[in-house]
């Protein structure tokens, strides 16, 4: 047996010995021909693949250009070319692990959506434990409108059509209620704009035109003492609203707020959460990148991106870079694990506290890093990575592996949970999505998968998803926030999708994760210049329990 094994082995190995072929020139010639043929076949295949990708890219650009021209001419197509682009798997970017993860997230979205349809259809939000709906935002169908683009991006066509029909037939703005301008802007206006940009469906445009009637008077007249995140988180939507409707007044009014703030902008770029844009006076209030401050800084960067980074919007980028120097001044590190975190500032003193809401910052920094010179860009990206690690560990350090609302930092103890609820927030997975796309490091995908599994284990129930009253005990609350469908699940889905799905080159996300198309420049269209050619009622940081 041993000899037969040895003989067989040596017989197989002799074909790998060059001497074998030197003694047999015909076999050597045959081997050479096979090698040359295989080499030519391989490179021919690579050439075809490259030519195919190039041609597909060119055709996509041409289709989108023609589609935009038709839209500007008043012709609305029932189907946007992007629909097929999103629903077709990019065969050159297949990843079996990500495919499986993406499908799991899609199934979670279906579970959340079907629960809303069954128990709270047409209402603002679902209370899963009670199996009933409530109107938290005046009865505008907040969860439904918030979910439109998520359904579309995930290719859930039947669900999207059902939601679209409700918008066309039942969405009514003529209501007597106390509107939150901020929430209406980021959820409803943002949701309708995004659904229109993605689908090209005329009914979303019609609803936007109904909504625009004097909306700007309601939305931008709160220029007395106001919350920073409120007054500074309307620019993306109002600029897009002017672009889509051809009426410049929304853009002009929204930009007036920034112009007023620009006049009194502090040297460190850090504004308190309560401020009067006219006088520049502020009550004694906190400076924070968390609740009530966060999205103001986010929109400075994203309006610059929305405006194609041109001279017209250069002041947004300049203000943002000033504020990022202020952010850097608030960075501290823990021992023993060297976690980087963003302090809050009260008067002249710093507080070693960071909200989970501030975990949007790693993604924002990563997105803005490329606008710097190489050395500064690397510094900003490294800070983004460090803050992303801290935010991920907000989740890993609790028994449920879900993050609390905020954290405190102590010498020698790294971090501890402060307010211990979790209301299904998206900020950390948002940043992981940006970090993965902009660095290519798959670790961020693995971290996002860990967070998704923790949601599945702790927040999923038979009738939807709920938050936790306490991330230490796992006690559940009774609310499925609309942003769980609009943001958390969407960002997770994109985290496991090819970067070509809602490309950063073509889209910018508002603070409710609604992608808005970056529009090519149309000088003097409708009497104004469109720039050439991105949380939260939760800003107050309070959950809604019943």
Protein backbone atom coordinates (compact mmCIF):
# COMPACT_ATOMS: atom_id res chain seq x y z
CA UNK A 1 0.00 0.00 0.00
CA UNK A 2 2.74 2.39 0.90
CA UNK A 3 4.63 1.71 -2.32
CA UNK A 4 1.52 2.13 -4.46
CA UNK A 5 0.80 5.46 -2.76
CA UNK A 6 4.36 6.62 -3.27
CA UNK A 7 4.38 5.48 -6.89
CA UNK A 8 1.10 7.20 -7.61
CA UNK A 9 2.31 10.38 -5.98
CA UNK A 10 5.58 10.46 -7.87
CA UNK A 11 3.71 9.73 -11.10
CA UNK A 12 1.54 12.80 -10.61
CA UNK A 13 4.42 15.03 -9.60
CA UNK A 14 6.55 14.17 -12.62
CA UNK A 15 4.30 16.39 -14.80
CA UNK A 16 5.46 19.36 -12.77
CA UNK A 17 9.14 18.59 -13.35
CA UNK A 18 10.64 20.70 -16.23
CA UNK A 19 13.02 17.83 -17.10
CA UNK A 20 10.02 15.71 -18.10
CA UNK A 21 9.12 18.17 -20.87
CA UNK A 22 12.71 18.81 -22.00
CA UNK A 23 12.94 15.12 -22.90
CA UNK A 24 9.55 15.28 -24.71
CA UNK A 25 9.57 18.37 -27.04
CA UNK A 26 6.14 17.64 -28.54
CA UNK A 27 4.50 17.76 -25.13
CA UNK A 28 6.42 20.94 -24.31
CA UNK A 29 5.12 22.57 -27.48
CA UNK A 30 1.57 21.48 -26.66
CA UNK A 31 1.87 22.89 -23.14
CA UNK A 32 3.16 26.20 -24.54
CA UNK A 33 0.23 26.45 -26.99
CA UNK A 34 -2.29 25.80 -24.19
CA UNK A 35 -0.65 28.45 -22.01
CA UNK A 36 -0.65 31.11 -24.77
CA UNK A 37 -4.27 30.33 -25.71
CA UNK A 38 -5.46 30.60 -22.09
CA UNK A 39 -3.57 33.86 -21.62
CA UNK A 40 -5.13 35.43 -24.72
CA UNK A 41 -8.59 34.21 -23.67
CA UNK A 42 -8.19 35.72 -20.19
CA UNK A 43 -7.06 39.14 -21.40
CA UNK A 44 -9.70 39.16 -24.12
CA UNK A 45 -12.32 38.51 -21.42
CA UNK A 46 -10.92 41.31 -19.26
CA UNK A 47 -10.98 43.69 -22.22
CA UNK A 48 -14.61 42.82 -22.98
CA UNK A 49 -15.58 43.33 -19.33
CA UNK A 50 -13.86 46.71 -19.25
CA UNK A 51 -15.49 47.81 -22.52
CA UNK A 52 -18.89 46.59 -21.27
CA UNK A 53 -18.63 48.50 -18.00
CA UNK A 54 -17.51 51.65 -19.83
CA UNK A 55 -20.39 51.46 -22.30
CA UNK A 56 -22.97 50.80 -19.57
CA UNK A 57 -21.68 53.80 -17.61
CA UNK A 58 -21.85 56.01 -20.71
CA UNK A 59 -25.41 54.90 -21.50
CA UNK A 60 -26.51 55.44 -17.88
CA UNK A 61 -25.16 58.99 -17.99
CA UNK A 62 -26.88 59.67 -21.30
CA UNK A 63 -30.21 58.26 -20.09
CA UNK A 64 -30.10 60.32 -16.91
CA UNK A 65 -29.23 63.45 -18.92
CA UNK A 66 -32.16 62.92 -21.27
CA UNK A 67 -34.45 62.14 -18.35
CA UNK A 68 -33.50 65.41 -16.64
CA UNK A 69 -34.14 67.33 -19.87
CA UNK A 70 -37.60 65.76 -20.18
CA UNK A 71 -38.40 66.61 -16.57
CA UNK A 72 -37.35 70.25 -17.06
CA UNK A 73 -39.56 70.37 -20.16
CA UNK A 74 -42.53 69.25 -18.06
CA UNK A 75 -42.61 65.66 -19.29
CA UNK A 76 -42.73 63.15 -16.43
CA UNK A 77 -41.96 59.51 -17.10
CA UNK A 78 -43.76 56.84 -15.16
CA UNK A 79 -40.49 54.97 -14.69
CA UNK A 80 -37.13 56.53 -13.94
CA UNK A 81 -34.11 54.82 -15.57
CA UNK A 82 -32.63 54.54 -12.08
CA UNK A 83 -35.27 51.93 -11.24
CA UNK A 84 -33.63 49.25 -13.37
CA UNK A 85 -30.19 50.44 -12.27
CA UNK A 86 -31.08 49.86 -8.63
CA UNK A 87 -32.96 46.59 -9.08
CA UNK A 88 -30.30 44.95 -11.29
CA UNK A 89 -27.47 43.25 -9.43
CA UNK A 90 -24.07 44.55 -10.49
CA UNK A 91 -22.46 41.27 -11.59
CA UNK A 92 -19.00 42.72 -11.11
CA UNK A 93 -19.60 43.50 -7.43
CA UNK A 94 -21.18 40.27 -6.22
CA UNK A 95 -20.34 39.42 -2.62
CA UNK A 96 -22.22 36.38 -1.24
CA UNK A 97 -21.88 37.49 2.39
CA UNK A 98 -23.17 40.99 1.68
CA UNK A 99 -25.93 39.58 -0.52
CA UNK A 100 -27.16 37.47 2.38
CA UNK A 101 -26.89 40.34 4.86
CA UNK A 102 -28.69 42.72 2.53
CA UNK A 103 -31.54 40.26 2.11
CA UNK A 104 -31.85 39.93 5.89
CA UNK A 105 -32.13 43.72 6.21
CA UNK A 106 -34.71 43.74 3.42
CA UNK A 107 -36.73 41.11 5.26
CA UNK A 108 -36.54 43.25 8.42
CA UNK A 109 -37.89 46.20 6.44
CA UNK A 110 -40.76 44.06 5.18
CA UNK A 111 -41.56 42.99 8.74
CA UNK A 112 -41.56 46.58 9.97
CA UNK A 113 -43.54 47.82 6.97
CA UNK A 114 -46.15 45.05 7.02
CA UNK A 115 -46.69 45.63 10.74
CA UNK A 116 -47.29 49.32 10.05
CA UNK A 117 -49.68 48.48 7.20
CA UNK A 118 -51.62 46.03 9.38
CA UNK A 119 -51.95 48.08 12.54
CA UNK A 120 -51.34 51.77 11.72
CA UNK A 121 -51.96 52.35 8.01
CA UNK A 122 -52.07 56.06 7.13
CA UNK A 123 -51.14 57.16 10.63
CA UNK A 124 -47.83 58.69 11.67
CA UNK A 125 -46.29 55.91 13.74
CA UNK A 126 -46.97 52.41 15.03
CA UNK A 127 -47.10 51.37 18.66
CA UNK A 128 -46.22 47.69 18.18
CA UNK A 129 -47.02 46.46 21.68
CA UNK A 130 -50.47 48.08 21.63
CA UNK A 131 -50.92 47.19 17.95
CA UNK A 132 -52.29 50.61 17.11
CA UNK A 133 -51.23 53.77 15.35
CA UNK A 134 -50.76 57.28 16.70
CA UNK A 135 -50.45 60.66 15.00
CA UNK A 136 -47.27 62.21 16.34
CA UNK A 137 -46.84 64.67 13.44
CA UNK A 138 -50.33 65.90 12.66
CA UNK A 139 -51.56 62.86 10.78
CA UNK A 140 -49.40 63.25 7.66
CA UNK A 141 -48.62 59.54 7.44
CA UNK A 142 -45.06 60.15 8.63
CA UNK A 143 -43.93 56.52 8.62
CA UNK A 144 -45.45 55.96 5.19
CA UNK A 145 -43.87 59.03 3.58
CA UNK A 146 -40.60 58.42 5.43
CA UNK A 147 -40.49 54.87 4.02
CA UNK A 148 -41.13 55.63 0.36
CA UNK A 149 -37.52 55.83 -0.78
CA UNK A 150 -36.44 52.88 1.37
CA UNK A 151 -39.09 50.72 -0.31
CA UNK A 152 -37.99 51.96 -3.72
CA UNK A 153 -34.27 51.44 -3.16
CA UNK A 154 -34.87 47.92 -1.83
CA UNK A 155 -36.90 47.07 -4.95
CA UNK A 156 -40.13 46.47 -3.00
CA UNK A 157 -42.30 47.57 -5.91
CA UNK A 158 -45.72 46.44 -4.67
CA UNK A 159 -45.20 48.05 -1.28
CA UNK A 160 -43.93 51.25 -2.90
CA UNK A 161 -46.95 51.38 -5.23
CA UNK A 162 -49.37 50.95 -2.33
CA UNK A 163 -47.69 53.79 -0.46
CA UNK A 164 -47.58 55.95 -3.58
CA UNK A 165 -51.33 55.48 -4.11
CA UNK A 166 -52.01 56.61 -0.54
CA UNK A 167 -49.92 59.75 -1.12
CA UNK A 168 -51.79 60.49 -4.35
CA UNK A 169 -55.26 59.87 -2.92
CA UNK A 170 -55.13 60.51 0.83
CA UNK A 171 -52.21 62.74 1.87
CA UNK A 172 -53.86 65.95 3.03
CA UNK A 173 -52.01 69.01 4.32
CA UNK A 174 -55.18 70.93 5.17
CA UNK A 175 -55.22 70.03 8.83
CA UNK A 176 -55.64 71.96 12.05
CA UNK A 177 -52.66 70.90 14.13
CA UNK A 178 -49.48 72.25 15.66
CA UNK A 179 -46.89 71.44 13.03
CA UNK A 180 -43.25 70.87 13.79
CA UNK A 181 -41.70 72.70 10.85
CA UNK A 182 -38.45 70.87 11.38
CA UNK A 183 -40.03 67.40 11.42
CA UNK A 184 -42.33 68.19 8.52
CA UNK A 185 -39.38 69.41 6.49
CA UNK A 186 -36.98 66.52 7.02
CA UNK A 187 -39.57 63.72 6.99
CA UNK A 188 -42.42 64.81 4.70
CA UNK A 189 -40.82 67.34 2.34
CA UNK A 190 -37.61 65.29 2.26
CA UNK A 191 -39.53 62.06 1.75
CA UNK A 192 -41.63 63.42 -1.12
CA UNK A 193 -38.63 65.04 -2.81
CA UNK A 194 -36.66 61.82 -2.64
CA UNK A 195 -39.54 59.68 -3.91
CA UNK A 196 -39.93 62.08 -6.83
CA UNK A 197 -36.21 62.13 -7.62
CA UNK A 198 -36.03 58.33 -7.55
CA UNK A 199 -39.24 57.47 -9.39
CA UNK A 200 -40.08 60.55 -11.46
CA UNK A 201 -43.73 59.96 -10.50
CA UNK A 202 -45.79 63.09 -11.17
CA UNK A 203 -48.01 62.59 -8.12
CA UNK A 204 -45.13 63.32 -5.78
CA UNK A 205 -44.54 66.53 -7.72
CA UNK A 206 -48.22 67.44 -7.42
CA UNK A 207 -48.15 66.91 -3.65
CA UNK A 208 -45.01 69.03 -3.38
CA UNK A 209 -46.74 71.86 -5.25
CA UNK A 210 -49.71 71.66 -2.88
CA UNK A 211 -47.37 71.63 0.10
CA UNK A 212 -45.39 74.63 -1.12
CA UNK A 213 -48.30 77.06 -0.75
CA UNK A 214 -47.02 79.55 1.79
CA UNK A 215 -45.05 76.77 3.48
CA UNK A 216 -41.94 78.88 3.41
CA UNK A 217 -43.69 81.56 5.49
CA UNK A 218 -44.31 78.99 8.17
CA UNK A 219 -40.92 77.37 7.80
CA UNK A 220 -38.47 80.27 7.88
CA UNK A 221 -40.09 82.95 9.92
CA UNK A 222 -38.96 81.53 13.27
CA UNK A 223 -35.99 83.85 13.48
CA UNK A 224 -36.35 84.77 17.11
CA UNK A 225 -34.53 82.59 19.63
CA UNK A 226 -34.64 79.20 17.96
CA UNK A 227 -32.99 75.82 18.13
CA UNK A 228 -29.83 75.77 16.07
CA UNK A 229 -30.55 72.40 14.46
CA UNK A 230 -34.05 73.56 13.49
CA UNK A 231 -33.14 76.81 11.73
CA UNK A 232 -30.02 75.31 10.16
CA UNK A 233 -31.63 72.11 8.88
CA UNK A 234 -33.92 73.28 6.10
CA UNK A 235 -31.49 74.37 3.42
CA UNK A 236 -31.15 71.06 1.53
CA UNK A 237 -34.90 70.54 1.28
CA UNK A 238 -35.79 74.15 0.47
CA UNK A 239 -33.08 74.47 -2.19
CA UNK A 240 -34.29 71.19 -3.73
CA UNK A 241 -37.90 72.41 -3.49
CA UNK A 242 -36.98 75.54 -5.45
CA UNK A 243 -35.08 73.46 -8.02
CA UNK A 244 -37.95 71.02 -8.54
CA UNK A 245 -40.76 73.62 -8.61
CA UNK A 246 -38.91 76.45 -10.34
CA UNK A 247 -39.86 78.89 -7.57
CA UNK A 248 -36.78 80.59 -6.06
CA UNK A 249 -38.41 81.87 -2.89
CA UNK A 250 -37.80 78.71 -0.84
CA UNK A 251 -34.10 78.68 -1.60
CA UNK A 252 -33.80 82.41 -0.95
CA UNK A 253 -35.55 82.25 2.40
CA UNK A 254 -33.54 79.23 3.57
CA UNK A 255 -30.25 80.78 2.54
CA UNK A 256 -31.10 84.03 4.33
CA UNK A 257 -30.79 82.15 7.64
CA UNK A 258 -27.23 81.09 6.80
CA UNK A 259 -26.34 84.57 5.63
CA UNK A 260 -27.50 86.00 8.96
CA UNK A 261 -25.52 83.40 10.88
CA UNK A 262 -22.48 84.04 8.71
CA UNK A 263 -22.39 87.64 9.90
CA UNK A 264 -22.01 86.62 13.54
CA UNK A 265 -20.13 83.35 13.05
CA UNK A 266 -17.64 82.78 15.90
CA UNK A 267 -13.96 82.15 15.21
CA UNK A 268 -14.23 78.55 16.42
CA UNK A 269 -17.38 77.89 14.39
CA UNK A 270 -19.27 76.61 17.44
CA UNK A 271 -22.76 77.97 18.05
CA UNK A 272 -24.94 77.37 21.13
CA UNK A 273 -28.12 75.41 20.64
CA UNK A 274 -30.31 78.49 21.24
CA UNK A 275 -29.55 81.52 19.10
CA UNK A 276 -31.14 84.56 17.45
CA UNK A 277 -29.85 84.73 13.86
CA UNK A 278 -30.68 88.45 13.58
CA UNK A 279 -28.93 89.75 16.67
CA UNK A 280 -26.40 87.02 17.22
CA UNK A 281 -27.34 86.94 20.88
CA UNK A 282 -27.81 83.62 22.58
CA UNK A 283 -29.09 82.46 25.86
CA UNK A 284 -26.63 80.67 28.13
CA UNK A 285 -26.86 77.32 26.43
CA UNK A 286 -24.87 74.25 25.54
CA UNK A 287 -22.59 73.86 22.54
CA UNK A 288 -22.93 70.30 21.29
CA UNK A 289 -22.74 68.06 18.26
CA UNK A 290 -25.56 66.07 19.82
CA UNK A 291 -29.20 66.91 20.44
CA UNK A 292 -30.39 70.24 18.99
CA UNK A 293 -27.03 71.12 17.44
CA UNK A 294 -25.99 68.24 15.22
CA UNK A 295 -27.63 68.64 11.82
CA UNK A 296 -26.74 72.33 11.50
CA UNK A 297 -23.10 71.33 10.98
CA UNK A 298 -24.13 68.42 8.75
CA UNK A 299 -26.04 70.72 6.38
CA UNK A 300 -23.16 73.18 5.99
CA UNK A 301 -21.20 70.38 4.32
CA UNK A 302 -24.08 68.84 2.42
CA UNK A 303 -25.37 72.07 0.84
CA UNK A 304 -21.84 72.54 -0.50
CA UNK A 305 -22.08 69.05 -2.02
CA UNK A 306 -25.62 69.65 -3.27
CA UNK A 307 -24.34 72.82 -4.99
CA UNK A 308 -21.63 70.85 -6.78
CA UNK A 309 -18.90 72.44 -4.65
CA UNK A 310 -18.94 75.64 -6.70
CA UNK A 311 -18.22 79.26 -5.83
CA UNK A 312 -21.93 79.84 -5.23
CA UNK A 313 -21.85 77.59 -2.17
CA UNK A 314 -18.22 78.06 -1.13
CA UNK A 315 -19.22 79.92 2.05
CA UNK A 316 -21.00 76.80 3.33
CA UNK A 317 -17.78 74.81 3.05
CA UNK A 318 -15.78 77.61 4.70
CA UNK A 319 -18.20 77.75 7.64
CA UNK A 320 -18.07 73.96 7.93
CA UNK A 321 -14.27 73.85 8.00
CA UNK A 322 -14.26 76.54 10.70
CA UNK A 323 -16.71 74.44 12.73
CA UNK A 324 -14.58 71.33 12.28
CA UNK A 325 -11.66 73.16 13.90
CA UNK A 326 -14.05 73.83 16.76
CA UNK A 327 -15.00 70.16 16.84
CA UNK A 328 -11.33 69.17 17.03
CA UNK A 329 -10.93 71.47 20.05
CA UNK A 330 -13.65 69.42 21.80
CA UNK A 331 -11.98 66.04 21.22
CA UNK A 332 -10.70 64.14 24.24
CA UNK A 333 -9.42 60.56 24.68
CA UNK A 334 -10.12 57.92 27.30
CA UNK A 335 -7.89 55.57 29.18
CA UNK A 336 -7.13 52.75 28.92
CA UNK A 337 -8.70 52.19 25.46
CA UNK A 338 -7.93 55.55 23.84
CA UNK A 339 -11.50 56.12 22.70
CA UNK A 340 -11.90 59.53 21.05
CA UNK A 341 -15.06 61.43 21.95
CA UNK A 342 -16.62 64.88 21.42
CA UNK A 343 -17.16 66.87 24.59
CA UNK A 344 -20.02 69.27 25.15
CA UNK A 345 -19.23 72.86 26.12
CA UNK A 346 -21.05 74.90 28.74
CA UNK A 347 -19.68 78.42 29.03
CA UNK A 348 -15.96 78.02 29.60
CA UNK A 349 -16.06 74.43 30.81
CA UNK A 350 -16.20 71.09 29.01
CA UNK A 351 -18.47 68.20 29.90
CA UNK A 352 -17.20 64.66 29.25
CA UNK A 353 -20.51 63.60 27.73
CA UNK A 354 -21.38 62.52 24.19
CA UNK A 355 -24.81 61.77 22.73
CA UNK A 356 -25.37 58.83 20.43
CA UNK A 357 -26.88 61.48 18.16
CA UNK A 358 -23.35 62.87 17.75
CA UNK A 359 -22.37 59.60 16.09
CA UNK A 360 -23.37 61.11 12.77
CA UNK A 361 -20.07 63.03 13.01
CA UNK A 362 -17.70 60.22 11.89
CA UNK A 363 -19.65 59.89 8.63
CA UNK A 364 -19.79 63.65 8.15
CA UNK A 365 -16.04 63.99 8.69
CA UNK A 366 -15.30 61.12 6.31
CA UNK A 367 -17.55 62.68 3.67
CA UNK A 368 -15.87 66.08 3.99
CA UNK A 369 -12.28 64.88 4.27
CA UNK A 370 -11.62 64.84 0.54
CA UNK A 371 -12.21 68.58 0.26
CA UNK A 372 -8.99 69.29 2.18
CA UNK A 373 -5.37 69.09 1.07
CA UNK A 374 -3.77 65.67 1.47
CA UNK A 375 -2.26 66.13 4.95
CA UNK A 376 -5.37 67.69 6.49
CA UNK A 377 -7.56 65.19 4.68
CA UNK A 378 -5.70 62.32 6.33
CA UNK A 379 -6.04 63.96 9.76
CA UNK A 380 -9.79 64.41 9.34
CA UNK A 381 -10.27 60.86 8.04
CA UNK A 382 -8.27 59.41 10.94
CA UNK A 383 -10.45 61.34 13.38
CA UNK A 384 -13.54 59.98 11.62
CA UNK A 385 -12.24 56.43 12.04
CA UNK A 386 -11.46 56.93 15.74
CA UNK A 387 -14.88 58.41 16.47
CA UNK A 388 -16.49 55.59 14.49
CA UNK A 389 -14.71 53.08 16.73
CA UNK A 390 -16.02 54.88 19.81
CA UNK A 391 -19.60 54.88 18.50
CA UNK A 392 -19.45 51.17 17.67
CA UNK A 393 -18.30 50.51 21.23
CA UNK A 394 -21.30 52.43 22.55
CA UNK A 395 -23.12 49.29 21.39
CA UNK A 396 -20.59 46.67 22.42
CA UNK A 397 -20.31 47.79 26.04
CA UNK A 398 -23.94 47.07 27.05
CA UNK A 399 -25.52 43.69 27.90
CA UNK A 400 -27.96 43.99 24.97
CA UNK A 401 -25.26 45.23 22.55
CA UNK A 402 -27.49 48.22 21.79
CA UNK A 403 -26.32 51.75 22.54
CA UNK A 404 -27.75 54.03 25.19
CA UNK A 405 -28.86 57.59 24.47
CA UNK A 406 -25.66 59.16 25.79
CA UNK A 407 -22.38 58.26 27.47
CA UNK A 408 -20.07 59.71 30.10
CA UNK A 409 -16.32 59.30 30.15
CA UNK A 410 -14.14 58.89 33.23
CA UNK A 411 -10.40 58.64 33.80
CA UNK A 412 -9.34 55.01 33.74
CA UNK A 413 -12.85 53.68 33.01
CA UNK A 414 -13.37 54.51 29.33
CA UNK A 415 -17.15 55.01 29.13
CA UNK A 416 -20.41 54.37 30.95
CA UNK A 417 -24.04 54.65 29.85
CA UNK A 418 -25.81 57.81 30.96
CA UNK A 419 -29.41 57.82 29.75
CA UNK A 420 -30.02 54.16 29.06
CA UNK A 421 -32.84 54.03 26.52
CA UNK A 422 -32.45 53.10 22.84
CA UNK A 423 -35.08 54.27 20.37
CA UNK A 424 -33.75 52.55 17.21
CA UNK A 425 -31.51 55.46 16.22
CA UNK A 426 -29.54 55.39 12.94
CA UNK A 427 -26.51 57.62 13.54
CA UNK A 428 -23.86 54.97 14.14
CA UNK A 429 -24.86 52.75 11.20
CA UNK A 430 -25.04 55.91 9.07
CA UNK A 431 -21.40 56.64 9.86
CA UNK A 432 -20.40 53.02 9.29
CA UNK A 433 -21.92 53.21 5.82
CA UNK A 434 -19.91 56.34 4.98
CA UNK A 435 -16.71 54.94 6.46
CA UNK A 436 -17.03 51.69 4.53
CA UNK A 437 -17.71 53.40 1.22
CA UNK A 438 -14.93 55.96 1.64
CA UNK A 439 -12.23 53.63 3.00
CA UNK A 440 -13.17 50.23 1.55
CA UNK A 441 -12.55 48.64 4.97
CA UNK A 442 -14.99 45.73 5.39
CA UNK A 443 -14.62 45.91 9.18
CA UNK A 444 -17.29 48.60 9.13
CA UNK A 445 -19.67 46.17 7.43
CA UNK A 446 -18.99 43.59 10.15
CA UNK A 447 -19.67 46.19 12.84
CA UNK A 448 -22.94 47.13 11.16
CA UNK A 449 -23.93 43.48 11.02
CA UNK A 450 -23.30 43.17 14.75
CA UNK A 451 -25.62 46.12 15.40
CA UNK A 452 -28.31 44.73 13.08
CA UNK A 453 -28.24 41.39 14.89
CA UNK A 454 -28.63 43.17 18.23
CA UNK A 455 -31.74 44.95 16.89
CA UNK A 456 -33.10 41.63 15.67
CA UNK A 457 -32.50 39.98 19.03
CA UNK A 458 -33.77 42.74 21.30
CA UNK A 459 -36.16 44.96 19.34
CA UNK A 460 -38.04 42.66 16.98
CA UNK A 461 -41.43 41.46 18.12
CA UNK A 462 -44.35 39.85 16.30
CA UNK A 463 -45.93 43.21 15.42
CA UNK A 464 -42.92 45.29 14.42
CA UNK A 465 -39.82 46.73 16.11
CA UNK A 466 -39.63 48.55 19.42
CA UNK A 467 -36.98 50.50 21.27
CA UNK A 468 -35.65 49.65 24.70
CA UNK A 469 -36.40 51.54 27.86
CA UNK A 470 -33.13 50.25 29.26
CA UNK A 471 -30.23 48.79 27.27
CA UNK A 472 -28.96 47.12 30.42
CA UNK A 473 -32.08 45.11 31.22
CA UNK A 474 -33.59 44.85 27.74
CA UNK A 475 -36.98 46.22 28.87
CA UNK A 476 -38.96 47.14 25.75
CA UNK A 477 -40.88 50.34 24.98
CA UNK A 478 -43.94 50.70 22.72
CA UNK A 479 -42.83 52.78 19.73
CA UNK A 480 -41.56 52.03 16.22
CA UNK A 481 -40.06 55.37 15.26
CA UNK A 482 -40.54 56.31 11.60
CA UNK A 483 -36.81 56.93 11.26
CA UNK A 484 -36.13 53.24 11.90
CA UNK A 485 -37.58 52.51 8.44
CA UNK A 486 -36.37 55.75 6.84
CA UNK A 487 -32.82 55.71 8.16
CA UNK A 488 -31.63 52.79 10.25
CA UNK A 489 -32.72 50.02 7.88
CA UNK A 490 -31.87 52.05 4.76
CA UNK A 491 -28.32 52.76 5.92
CA UNK A 492 -27.87 49.11 6.86
CA UNK A 493 -29.11 48.05 3.42
CA UNK A 494 -26.72 50.47 1.72
CA UNK A 495 -23.88 49.30 3.98
CA UNK A 496 -24.20 45.87 2.37
CA UNK A 497 -24.88 47.15 -1.18
CA UNK A 498 -22.40 48.14 -3.92
CA UNK A 499 -21.39 51.83 -3.68
CA UNK A 500 -23.06 52.37 -7.06
CA UNK A 501 -26.46 52.07 -5.35
CA UNK A 502 -27.29 55.72 -4.55
CA UNK A 503 -23.82 56.88 -5.52
CA UNK A 504 -22.29 59.76 -3.56
CA UNK A 505 -21.44 61.29 -6.94
CA UNK A 506 -25.12 61.69 -7.81
CA UNK A 507 -26.99 61.91 -4.52
CA UNK A 508 -26.81 63.70 -1.19
CA UNK A 509 -28.73 62.52 1.89
CA UNK A 510 -30.82 64.84 4.02
CA UNK A 511 -30.72 64.36 7.77
CA UNK A 512 -33.59 61.85 7.58
CA UNK A 513 -31.59 59.73 5.07
CA UNK A 514 -33.68 60.84 2.10
CA UNK A 515 -31.40 60.91 -0.98
CA UNK A 516 -31.79 64.06 -3.10
CA UNK A 517 -30.41 64.12 -6.62
CA UNK A 518 -27.55 66.55 -7.21
CA UNK A 519 -28.88 68.73 -10.04
CA UNK A 520 -26.70 70.03 -12.91
CA UNK A 521 -26.40 73.82 -13.05
CA UNK A 522 -29.05 75.75 -14.94
CA UNK A 523 -27.99 79.41 -14.88
CA UNK A 524 -30.84 81.86 -14.38
CA UNK A 525 -33.53 79.22 -14.58
CA UNK A 526 -36.81 80.74 -13.43
CA UNK A 527 -35.03 83.94 -12.49
CA UNK A 528 -32.39 82.54 -10.16
CA UNK A 529 -29.23 80.51 -10.38
CA UNK A 530 -29.34 76.87 -9.45
CA UNK A 531 -25.92 75.59 -8.30
CA UNK A 532 -23.82 73.60 -10.78
CA UNK A 533 -23.84 70.30 -12.28
CA UNK A 534 -27.50 65.85 1.71
CA UNK A 535 -31.71 64.19 13.93
CA UNK A 536 -34.59 64.64 13.96
CA UNK A 537 -37.62 65.32 16.23
CA UNK A 538 -35.33 63.27 18.14
CA UNK A 539 -33.05 66.31 18.27
CA UNK A 540 -34.51 66.96 21.66
CA UNK A 541 -33.26 63.54 22.61
CA UNK A 542 -36.54 62.38 24.13
CA UNK A 543 -38.35 59.13 23.36
CA UNK A 544 -42.11 58.91 23.09
CA UNK A 545 -43.51 56.27 25.39
CA UNK A 546 -47.10 55.37 26.01
